[in-house]
Amino acid sequence: MPGPKKEKGRSFMKNVENELGDASYSQKATEMVLKIYDPAMCCSSGVCGPSVDPVLAQFASALSIISKQYGIRVERYNLGQEPQAFASNETVKAMLGEGGMEELPFIFINDELWVKGRHPSKEELFKALNIKVSMEFTSFAAPQNDSACCADGGCC
C-alpha cells in the first residue's frame, strides 16, 4: 500500500513543479542571455561625450533593470574596446562581412539574432524577453479640510 501513496505524492509534486515552472518568470529569466555587439563608442551609457544620446541612455537603463531585477545575463561588447569578442564570434564576423559596421549593433537573445542596426526601446526589450511589467499604484485618501496638516486646520 505505501507504493500508490508514494506515486500519488510524486505525481502531485510533479504537477506543482510544472505549474510553478510555467508561472514563475524568474526561473525562465535566469536561463536567458542577452548579447549586444555595439559599434565603437566612447561609452555604452550614452551620457558621455559632447551630447547625450537618449536612446543609448534608456537602453543602458533597461539593461540594468533586466540584469539586476530579472537575473538575465547581459554581455555587452564595444567594437572599439573589445574587438576580440567580434572576431571570435563566427556569426558576428559573417554579419560584419556582409553588411559592414553600419548594421551594428547586433543584439542576440540566447545566441539568436533579435535586432540589428538599432538599440530597441525598453518596451521592445521587455516584450522580447517575456517580462511583464505591471504598474501598481497605491491609493491615498485625499486630505480633509479639518486635518491638522496646517496650523489653521485647513489644507495647505
N, C-alpha and C. Protein backbone atom coordinates (compact mmCIF):
# COMPACT_ATOMS: atom_id res chain seq x y z
N MET A 1 0.80 -1.21 0.00
CA MET A 1 0.00 0.00 0.00
C MET A 1 0.85 1.27 0.00
N PRO A 2 2.06 1.30 0.57
CA PRO A 2 2.86 2.51 0.50
C PRO A 2 3.23 2.91 -0.93
N GLY A 3 3.26 1.94 -1.85
CA GLY A 3 3.61 2.24 -3.24
C GLY A 3 2.71 3.27 -3.89
N PRO A 4 1.37 3.11 -3.87
CA PRO A 4 0.49 4.08 -4.51
C PRO A 4 0.56 5.46 -3.87
N LYS A 5 0.70 5.52 -2.54
CA LYS A 5 0.79 6.84 -1.90
C LYS A 5 2.03 7.58 -2.37
N LYS A 6 3.13 6.85 -2.45
CA LYS A 6 4.38 7.46 -2.90
C LYS A 6 4.22 7.96 -4.34
N GLU A 7 3.62 7.15 -5.18
CA GLU A 7 3.43 7.54 -6.57
C GLU A 7 2.48 8.74 -6.66
N LYS A 8 1.42 8.71 -5.84
CA LYS A 8 0.48 9.82 -5.85
C LYS A 8 1.17 11.10 -5.39
N GLY A 9 1.98 11.02 -4.33
CA GLY A 9 2.72 12.17 -3.85
C GLY A 9 3.70 12.68 -4.89
N ARG A 10 4.38 11.78 -5.55
CA ARG A 10 5.34 12.14 -6.58
C ARG A 10 4.62 12.83 -7.74
N SER A 11 3.46 12.29 -8.10
CA SER A 11 2.67 12.88 -9.18
C SER A 11 2.19 14.28 -8.79
N PHE A 12 1.75 14.42 -7.54
CA PHE A 12 1.30 15.73 -7.07
C PHE A 12 2.44 16.74 -7.12
N MET A 13 3.61 16.35 -6.62
CA MET A 13 4.76 17.26 -6.61
C MET A 13 5.19 17.62 -8.03
N LYS A 14 5.10 16.65 -8.93
CA LYS A 14 5.47 16.94 -10.32
C LYS A 14 4.52 17.97 -10.91
N ASN A 15 3.21 17.85 -10.61
CA ASN A 15 2.24 18.83 -11.09
C ASN A 15 2.52 20.21 -10.50
N VAL A 16 2.85 20.26 -9.21
CA VAL A 16 3.17 21.54 -8.58
C VAL A 16 4.40 22.15 -9.24
N GLU A 17 5.44 21.35 -9.45
CA GLU A 17 6.65 21.85 -10.10
C GLU A 17 6.35 22.35 -11.50
N ASN A 18 5.52 21.62 -12.24
CA ASN A 18 5.17 22.04 -13.59
C ASN A 18 4.42 23.36 -13.57
N GLU A 19 3.45 23.48 -12.64
CA GLU A 19 2.68 24.72 -12.56
C GLU A 19 3.57 25.88 -12.15
N LEU A 20 4.42 25.67 -11.17
CA LEU A 20 5.32 26.74 -10.74
C LEU A 20 6.30 27.10 -11.84
N GLY A 21 6.78 26.10 -12.54
CA GLY A 21 7.71 26.36 -13.64
C GLY A 21 7.07 27.19 -14.73
N ASP A 22 5.80 26.94 -15.02
CA ASP A 22 5.11 27.70 -16.05
C ASP A 22 4.80 29.12 -15.59
N ALA A 23 4.48 29.27 -14.30
CA ALA A 23 4.06 30.58 -13.81
C ALA A 23 5.23 31.43 -13.33
N SER A 24 6.33 30.80 -12.99
CA SER A 24 7.44 31.54 -12.41
C SER A 24 8.34 32.09 -13.50
N TYR A 25 8.32 33.42 -13.62
CA TYR A 25 9.15 34.04 -14.64
C TYR A 25 10.61 33.99 -14.27
N SER A 26 10.92 34.17 -12.99
CA SER A 26 12.32 34.31 -12.58
C SER A 26 13.13 33.08 -12.94
N GLN A 27 12.54 31.89 -12.91
CA GLN A 27 13.28 30.70 -13.27
C GLN A 27 13.63 30.74 -14.76
N LYS A 28 12.70 31.15 -15.60
CA LYS A 28 12.96 31.23 -17.03
C LYS A 28 13.96 32.34 -17.34
N ALA A 29 13.86 33.44 -16.62
CA ALA A 29 14.70 34.60 -16.90
C ALA A 29 16.16 34.29 -16.67
N THR A 30 16.47 33.52 -15.64
CA THR A 30 17.87 33.27 -15.34
C THR A 30 18.53 32.42 -16.42
N GLU A 31 17.75 31.76 -17.24
CA GLU A 31 18.31 30.94 -18.30
C GLU A 31 18.60 31.76 -19.55
N MET A 32 18.21 33.01 -19.58
CA MET A 32 18.36 33.83 -20.78
C MET A 32 19.69 34.59 -20.76
N VAL A 33 20.24 34.76 -21.97
CA VAL A 33 21.46 35.54 -22.13
C VAL A 33 21.22 36.54 -23.26
N LEU A 34 21.48 37.79 -22.97
CA LEU A 34 21.36 38.86 -23.96
C LEU A 34 22.77 39.31 -24.30
N LYS A 35 23.12 39.26 -25.59
CA LYS A 35 24.45 39.69 -26.03
C LYS A 35 24.28 40.85 -26.99
N ILE A 36 25.02 41.92 -26.71
CA ILE A 36 24.96 43.12 -27.53
C ILE A 36 26.34 43.39 -28.09
N TYR A 37 26.42 43.53 -29.40
CA TYR A 37 27.67 43.88 -30.09
C TYR A 37 27.48 45.30 -30.62
N ASP A 38 28.04 46.26 -29.89
CA ASP A 38 27.89 47.68 -30.21
C ASP A 38 28.99 48.17 -31.15
N PRO A 39 28.69 49.23 -31.91
CA PRO A 39 29.76 49.87 -32.69
C PRO A 39 30.76 50.52 -31.74
N ALA A 40 31.87 50.97 -32.27
CA ALA A 40 32.87 51.65 -31.44
C ALA A 40 32.26 52.93 -30.88
N MET A 41 32.26 53.05 -29.55
CA MET A 41 31.72 54.23 -28.87
C MET A 41 32.62 54.52 -27.68
N CYS A 42 32.57 55.77 -27.23
CA CYS A 42 33.38 56.11 -26.06
C CYS A 42 32.83 55.46 -24.80
N CYS A 43 31.51 55.28 -24.73
CA CYS A 43 30.90 54.59 -23.58
C CYS A 43 29.55 54.02 -24.01
N SER A 44 29.09 53.03 -23.25
CA SER A 44 27.83 52.37 -23.61
C SER A 44 26.61 53.02 -22.98
N SER A 45 26.84 53.97 -22.07
CA SER A 45 25.71 54.58 -21.36
C SER A 45 25.00 55.66 -22.16
N GLY A 46 25.71 56.26 -23.12
CA GLY A 46 25.10 57.32 -23.91
C GLY A 46 25.18 58.69 -23.27
N VAL A 47 25.80 58.77 -22.09
CA VAL A 47 25.87 60.06 -21.40
C VAL A 47 27.28 60.66 -21.39
N CYS A 48 28.13 60.18 -22.26
CA CYS A 48 29.47 60.74 -22.34
C CYS A 48 29.62 61.51 -23.65
N GLY A 49 30.69 62.22 -23.77
CA GLY A 49 30.92 62.98 -24.99
C GLY A 49 30.20 64.31 -24.96
N PRO A 50 30.20 65.02 -26.09
CA PRO A 50 29.64 66.37 -26.13
C PRO A 50 28.12 66.42 -26.02
N SER A 51 27.43 65.34 -26.39
CA SER A 51 25.97 65.35 -26.29
C SER A 51 25.46 64.00 -25.78
N VAL A 52 24.35 64.04 -25.09
CA VAL A 52 23.73 62.84 -24.53
C VAL A 52 22.87 62.18 -25.60
N ASP A 53 23.02 60.86 -25.75
CA ASP A 53 22.18 60.09 -26.67
C ASP A 53 21.07 59.45 -25.83
N PRO A 54 19.84 59.98 -25.89
CA PRO A 54 18.77 59.47 -25.04
C PRO A 54 18.42 58.01 -25.31
N VAL A 55 18.56 57.56 -26.55
CA VAL A 55 18.25 56.16 -26.87
C VAL A 55 19.23 55.24 -26.15
N LEU A 56 20.51 55.57 -26.20
CA LEU A 56 21.52 54.76 -25.51
C LEU A 56 21.34 54.81 -24.00
N ALA A 57 21.00 55.96 -23.47
CA ALA A 57 20.79 56.10 -22.03
C ALA A 57 19.61 55.23 -21.57
N GLN A 58 18.52 55.24 -22.33
CA GLN A 58 17.35 54.42 -21.98
C GLN A 58 17.67 52.94 -22.12
N PHE A 59 18.43 52.58 -23.15
CA PHE A 59 18.81 51.19 -23.37
C PHE A 59 19.70 50.70 -22.22
N ALA A 60 20.67 51.50 -21.83
CA ALA A 60 21.55 51.14 -20.71
C ALA A 60 20.74 50.95 -19.43
N SER A 61 19.76 51.80 -19.21
CA SER A 61 18.90 51.69 -18.04
C SER A 61 18.09 50.40 -18.08
N ALA A 62 17.54 50.07 -19.24
CA ALA A 62 16.76 48.83 -19.39
C ALA A 62 17.64 47.61 -19.15
N LEU A 63 18.88 47.64 -19.64
CA LEU A 63 19.80 46.52 -19.43
C LEU A 63 20.09 46.33 -17.94
N SER A 64 20.24 47.42 -17.24
CA SER A 64 20.49 47.35 -15.80
C SER A 64 19.29 46.71 -15.09
N ILE A 65 18.10 47.10 -15.48
CA ILE A 65 16.88 46.55 -14.87
C ILE A 65 16.77 45.05 -15.12
N ILE A 66 16.94 44.62 -16.37
CA ILE A 66 16.75 43.19 -16.66
C ILE A 66 17.84 42.34 -16.02
N SER A 67 19.00 42.91 -15.85
CA SER A 67 20.09 42.18 -15.21
C SER A 67 19.89 42.09 -13.70
N LYS A 68 19.63 43.21 -13.06
CA LYS A 68 19.54 43.25 -11.60
C LYS A 68 18.22 42.73 -11.06
N GLN A 69 17.12 43.05 -11.73
CA GLN A 69 15.81 42.68 -11.19
C GLN A 69 15.29 41.35 -11.72
N TYR A 70 15.72 40.95 -12.91
CA TYR A 70 15.19 39.73 -13.51
C TYR A 70 16.23 38.65 -13.71
N GLY A 71 17.48 38.93 -13.37
CA GLY A 71 18.52 37.91 -13.43
C GLY A 71 18.94 37.48 -14.81
N ILE A 72 18.64 38.26 -15.82
CA ILE A 72 19.05 37.92 -17.18
C ILE A 72 20.51 38.32 -17.34
N ARG A 73 21.32 37.41 -17.85
CA ARG A 73 22.73 37.71 -18.05
C ARG A 73 22.88 38.60 -19.28
N VAL A 74 23.57 39.71 -19.10
CA VAL A 74 23.79 40.67 -20.18
C VAL A 74 25.29 40.72 -20.47
N GLU A 75 25.63 40.49 -21.73
CA GLU A 75 27.01 40.61 -22.19
C GLU A 75 27.02 41.68 -23.27
N ARG A 76 27.79 42.73 -23.03
CA ARG A 76 27.80 43.86 -23.97
C ARG A 76 29.23 44.11 -24.41
N TYR A 77 29.43 44.13 -25.73
CA TYR A 77 30.76 44.30 -26.30
C TYR A 77 30.81 45.55 -27.16
N ASN A 78 31.86 46.33 -26.98
CA ASN A 78 32.08 47.56 -27.74
C ASN A 78 33.21 47.28 -28.73
N LEU A 79 32.97 47.50 -30.01
CA LEU A 79 33.96 47.20 -31.04
C LEU A 79 35.28 47.94 -30.79
N GLY A 80 35.21 49.15 -30.29
CA GLY A 80 36.42 49.92 -30.05
C GLY A 80 37.24 49.41 -28.87
N GLN A 81 36.59 48.74 -27.92
CA GLN A 81 37.28 48.29 -26.72
C GLN A 81 37.47 46.78 -26.65
N GLU A 82 36.61 46.01 -27.32
CA GLU A 82 36.68 44.55 -27.25
C GLU A 82 36.56 43.92 -28.64
N PRO A 83 37.46 44.24 -29.55
CA PRO A 83 37.36 43.69 -30.91
C PRO A 83 37.48 42.16 -30.94
N GLN A 84 38.15 41.57 -29.94
CA GLN A 84 38.30 40.11 -29.91
C GLN A 84 36.95 39.41 -29.77
N ALA A 85 35.99 40.03 -29.10
CA ALA A 85 34.66 39.43 -28.96
C ALA A 85 33.96 39.34 -30.32
N PHE A 86 34.19 40.33 -31.17
CA PHE A 86 33.61 40.33 -32.52
C PHE A 86 34.31 39.29 -33.39
N ALA A 87 35.63 39.23 -33.28
CA ALA A 87 36.42 38.32 -34.12
C ALA A 87 36.21 36.86 -33.74
N SER A 88 35.90 36.60 -32.47
CA SER A 88 35.75 35.21 -32.03
C SER A 88 34.35 34.65 -32.25
N ASN A 89 33.39 35.48 -32.62
CA ASN A 89 32.03 35.01 -32.87
C ASN A 89 31.82 34.92 -34.38
N GLU A 90 31.69 33.70 -34.88
CA GLU A 90 31.59 33.47 -36.33
C GLU A 90 30.37 34.16 -36.94
N THR A 91 29.25 34.14 -36.24
CA THR A 91 28.03 34.78 -36.76
C THR A 91 28.24 36.28 -36.89
N VAL A 92 28.79 36.89 -35.87
CA VAL A 92 29.04 38.34 -35.88
C VAL A 92 30.03 38.68 -36.97
N LYS A 93 31.08 37.88 -37.08
CA LYS A 93 32.10 38.12 -38.12
C LYS A 93 31.48 38.06 -39.51
N ALA A 94 30.63 37.07 -39.75
CA ALA A 94 29.97 36.93 -41.06
C ALA A 94 29.03 38.11 -41.33
N MET A 95 28.28 38.53 -40.32
CA MET A 95 27.36 39.65 -40.50
C MET A 95 28.11 40.94 -40.78
N LEU A 96 29.23 41.14 -40.13
CA LEU A 96 30.05 42.33 -40.41
C LEU A 96 30.60 42.28 -41.82
N GLY A 97 30.97 41.08 -42.28
CA GLY A 97 31.48 40.91 -43.64
C GLY A 97 30.43 41.19 -44.69
N GLU A 98 29.18 40.84 -44.40
CA GLU A 98 28.09 41.04 -45.36
C GLU A 98 27.56 42.48 -45.36
N GLY A 99 27.28 43.02 -44.19
CA GLY A 99 26.62 44.32 -44.11
C GLY A 99 27.48 45.46 -43.63
N GLY A 100 28.62 45.13 -43.06
CA GLY A 100 29.50 46.18 -42.56
C GLY A 100 29.10 46.69 -41.20
N MET A 101 29.89 47.63 -40.72
CA MET A 101 29.68 48.18 -39.37
C MET A 101 28.44 49.04 -39.27
N GLU A 102 27.87 49.44 -40.40
CA GLU A 102 26.65 50.26 -40.38
C GLU A 102 25.48 49.50 -39.79
N GLU A 103 25.56 48.17 -39.79
CA GLU A 103 24.45 47.36 -39.27
C GLU A 103 24.54 47.12 -37.76
N LEU A 104 25.60 47.59 -37.13
CA LEU A 104 25.71 47.46 -35.68
C LEU A 104 24.73 48.41 -35.00
N PRO A 105 24.20 48.08 -33.87
CA PRO A 105 24.52 46.94 -33.03
C PRO A 105 23.80 45.67 -33.49
N PHE A 106 24.39 44.53 -33.11
CA PHE A 106 23.74 43.23 -33.26
C PHE A 106 23.32 42.82 -31.86
N ILE A 107 22.07 42.43 -31.72
CA ILE A 107 21.57 42.03 -30.41
C ILE A 107 21.01 40.61 -30.51
N PHE A 108 21.56 39.73 -29.68
CA PHE A 108 21.18 38.33 -29.67
C PHE A 108 20.50 37.98 -28.35
N ILE A 109 19.47 37.15 -28.45
CA ILE A 109 18.85 36.56 -27.27
C ILE A 109 19.10 35.07 -27.36
N ASN A 110 19.81 34.53 -26.38
CA ASN A 110 20.19 33.11 -26.38
C ASN A 110 20.82 32.71 -27.71
N ASP A 111 21.75 33.51 -28.17
CA ASP A 111 22.54 33.28 -29.39
C ASP A 111 21.74 33.31 -30.69
N GLU A 112 20.52 33.82 -30.65
CA GLU A 112 19.74 34.02 -31.87
C GLU A 112 19.61 35.51 -32.13
N LEU A 113 19.92 35.93 -33.36
CA LEU A 113 19.83 37.35 -33.70
C LEU A 113 18.41 37.84 -33.49
N TRP A 114 18.28 38.92 -32.75
CA TRP A 114 16.97 39.50 -32.50
C TRP A 114 16.83 40.84 -33.21
N VAL A 115 17.79 41.75 -33.04
CA VAL A 115 17.73 43.08 -33.63
C VAL A 115 19.10 43.43 -34.16
N LYS A 116 19.11 44.15 -35.29
CA LYS A 116 20.38 44.70 -35.77
C LYS A 116 20.14 46.11 -36.29
N GLY A 117 21.17 46.93 -36.17
CA GLY A 117 21.11 48.28 -36.72
C GLY A 117 20.52 49.35 -35.81
N ARG A 118 20.04 48.97 -34.64
CA ARG A 118 19.45 49.97 -33.73
C ARG A 118 19.37 49.38 -32.32
N HIS A 119 19.22 50.26 -31.37
CA HIS A 119 19.00 49.85 -29.98
C HIS A 119 17.49 49.89 -29.74
N PRO A 120 16.90 48.78 -29.31
CA PRO A 120 15.45 48.75 -29.11
C PRO A 120 15.03 49.55 -27.87
N SER A 121 13.75 49.86 -27.83
CA SER A 121 13.19 50.55 -26.66
C SER A 121 13.09 49.56 -25.50
N LYS A 122 12.88 50.09 -24.31
CA LYS A 122 12.70 49.25 -23.13
C LYS A 122 11.48 48.35 -23.32
N GLU A 123 10.42 48.89 -23.89
CA GLU A 123 9.21 48.10 -24.09
C GLU A 123 9.47 46.92 -25.04
N GLU A 124 10.18 47.18 -26.14
CA GLU A 124 10.51 46.11 -27.08
C GLU A 124 11.37 45.04 -26.40
N LEU A 125 12.34 45.48 -25.64
CA LEU A 125 13.25 44.56 -24.95
C LEU A 125 12.49 43.70 -23.96
N PHE A 126 11.65 44.32 -23.14
CA PHE A 126 10.87 43.57 -22.16
C PHE A 126 9.94 42.57 -22.84
N LYS A 127 9.32 42.98 -23.92
CA LYS A 127 8.40 42.08 -24.64
C LYS A 127 9.16 40.88 -25.20
N ALA A 128 10.32 41.12 -25.80
CA ALA A 128 11.11 40.04 -26.37
C ALA A 128 11.59 39.06 -25.31
N LEU A 129 11.80 39.55 -24.10
CA LEU A 129 12.28 38.71 -23.00
C LEU A 129 11.14 38.18 -22.14
N ASN A 130 9.91 38.41 -22.57
CA ASN A 130 8.70 37.97 -21.85
C ASN A 130 8.62 38.53 -20.44
N ILE A 131 9.06 39.76 -20.29
CA ILE A 131 8.95 40.43 -19.00
C ILE A 131 7.66 41.24 -19.01
N LYS A 132 6.79 40.90 -18.09
CA LYS A 132 5.52 41.62 -17.98
C LYS A 132 5.64 42.57 -16.80
N VAL A 133 5.59 43.84 -17.10
CA VAL A 133 5.70 44.86 -16.07
C VAL A 133 4.30 45.37 -15.78
N SER A 134 3.90 45.22 -14.53
CA SER A 134 2.58 45.73 -14.15
C SER A 134 2.78 46.95 -13.28
N MET A 135 2.03 47.94 -13.59
CA MET A 135 2.09 49.17 -12.80
C MET A 135 1.10 49.03 -11.66
N GLU A 136 1.60 49.07 -10.45
CA GLU A 136 0.73 49.01 -9.29
C GLU A 136 0.76 50.36 -8.61
N PHE A 137 -0.39 50.87 -8.36
CA PHE A 137 -0.49 52.18 -7.73
C PHE A 137 -1.08 52.02 -6.34
N THR A 138 -0.60 52.80 -5.43
CA THR A 138 -1.13 52.84 -4.08
C THR A 138 -2.07 54.03 -4.00
N SER A 139 -3.27 53.76 -3.54
CA SER A 139 -4.22 54.87 -3.44
C SER A 139 -4.08 55.53 -2.07
N PHE A 140 -4.18 56.81 -2.07
CA PHE A 140 -4.10 57.59 -0.85
C PHE A 140 -5.40 58.37 -0.69
N ALA A 141 -5.81 58.53 0.54
CA ALA A 141 -7.01 59.32 0.81
C ALA A 141 -6.67 60.79 0.65
N ALA A 142 -7.60 61.53 0.10
CA ALA A 142 -7.41 62.98 -0.05
C ALA A 142 -7.43 63.62 1.33
N PRO A 143 -6.61 64.64 1.54
CA PRO A 143 -6.61 65.30 2.84
C PRO A 143 -7.97 65.96 3.11
N GLN A 144 -8.35 65.93 4.34
CA GLN A 144 -9.61 66.53 4.75
C GLN A 144 -9.37 67.98 5.17
N ASN A 145 -10.37 68.82 4.99
CA ASN A 145 -10.23 70.22 5.39
C ASN A 145 -9.95 70.39 6.88
N ASP A 146 -10.46 69.45 7.67
CA ASP A 146 -10.26 69.59 9.10
C ASP A 146 -9.02 68.83 9.58
N SER A 147 -8.16 68.44 8.66
CA SER A 147 -6.94 67.73 9.06
C SER A 147 -5.96 68.70 9.68
N ALA A 148 -5.01 68.17 10.39
CA ALA A 148 -4.06 69.02 11.11
C ALA A 148 -2.79 69.24 10.29
N CYS A 149 -2.89 69.27 8.97
CA CYS A 149 -1.68 69.46 8.18
C CYS A 149 -1.25 70.92 8.15
N CYS A 150 -2.12 71.81 8.46
CA CYS A 150 -1.78 73.24 8.53
C CYS A 150 -2.20 73.78 9.90
N ALA A 151 -1.56 74.83 10.29
CA ALA A 151 -1.82 75.41 11.62
C ALA A 151 -3.26 75.86 11.78
N ASP A 152 -3.87 76.39 10.72
CA ASP A 152 -5.23 76.91 10.84
C ASP A 152 -6.30 75.84 10.64
N GLY A 153 -5.90 74.58 10.50
CA GLY A 153 -6.87 73.50 10.35
C GLY A 153 -7.27 73.26 8.92
N GLY A 154 -6.90 74.12 7.99
CA GLY A 154 -7.19 73.92 6.58
C GLY A 154 -6.07 73.13 5.92
N CYS A 155 -6.26 72.81 4.70
CA CYS A 155 -5.23 72.06 3.99
C CYS A 155 -4.35 73.02 3.20
N CYS A 156 -3.08 72.77 3.19
CA CYS A 156 -2.13 73.66 2.52
C CYS A 156 -2.19 73.52 1.01
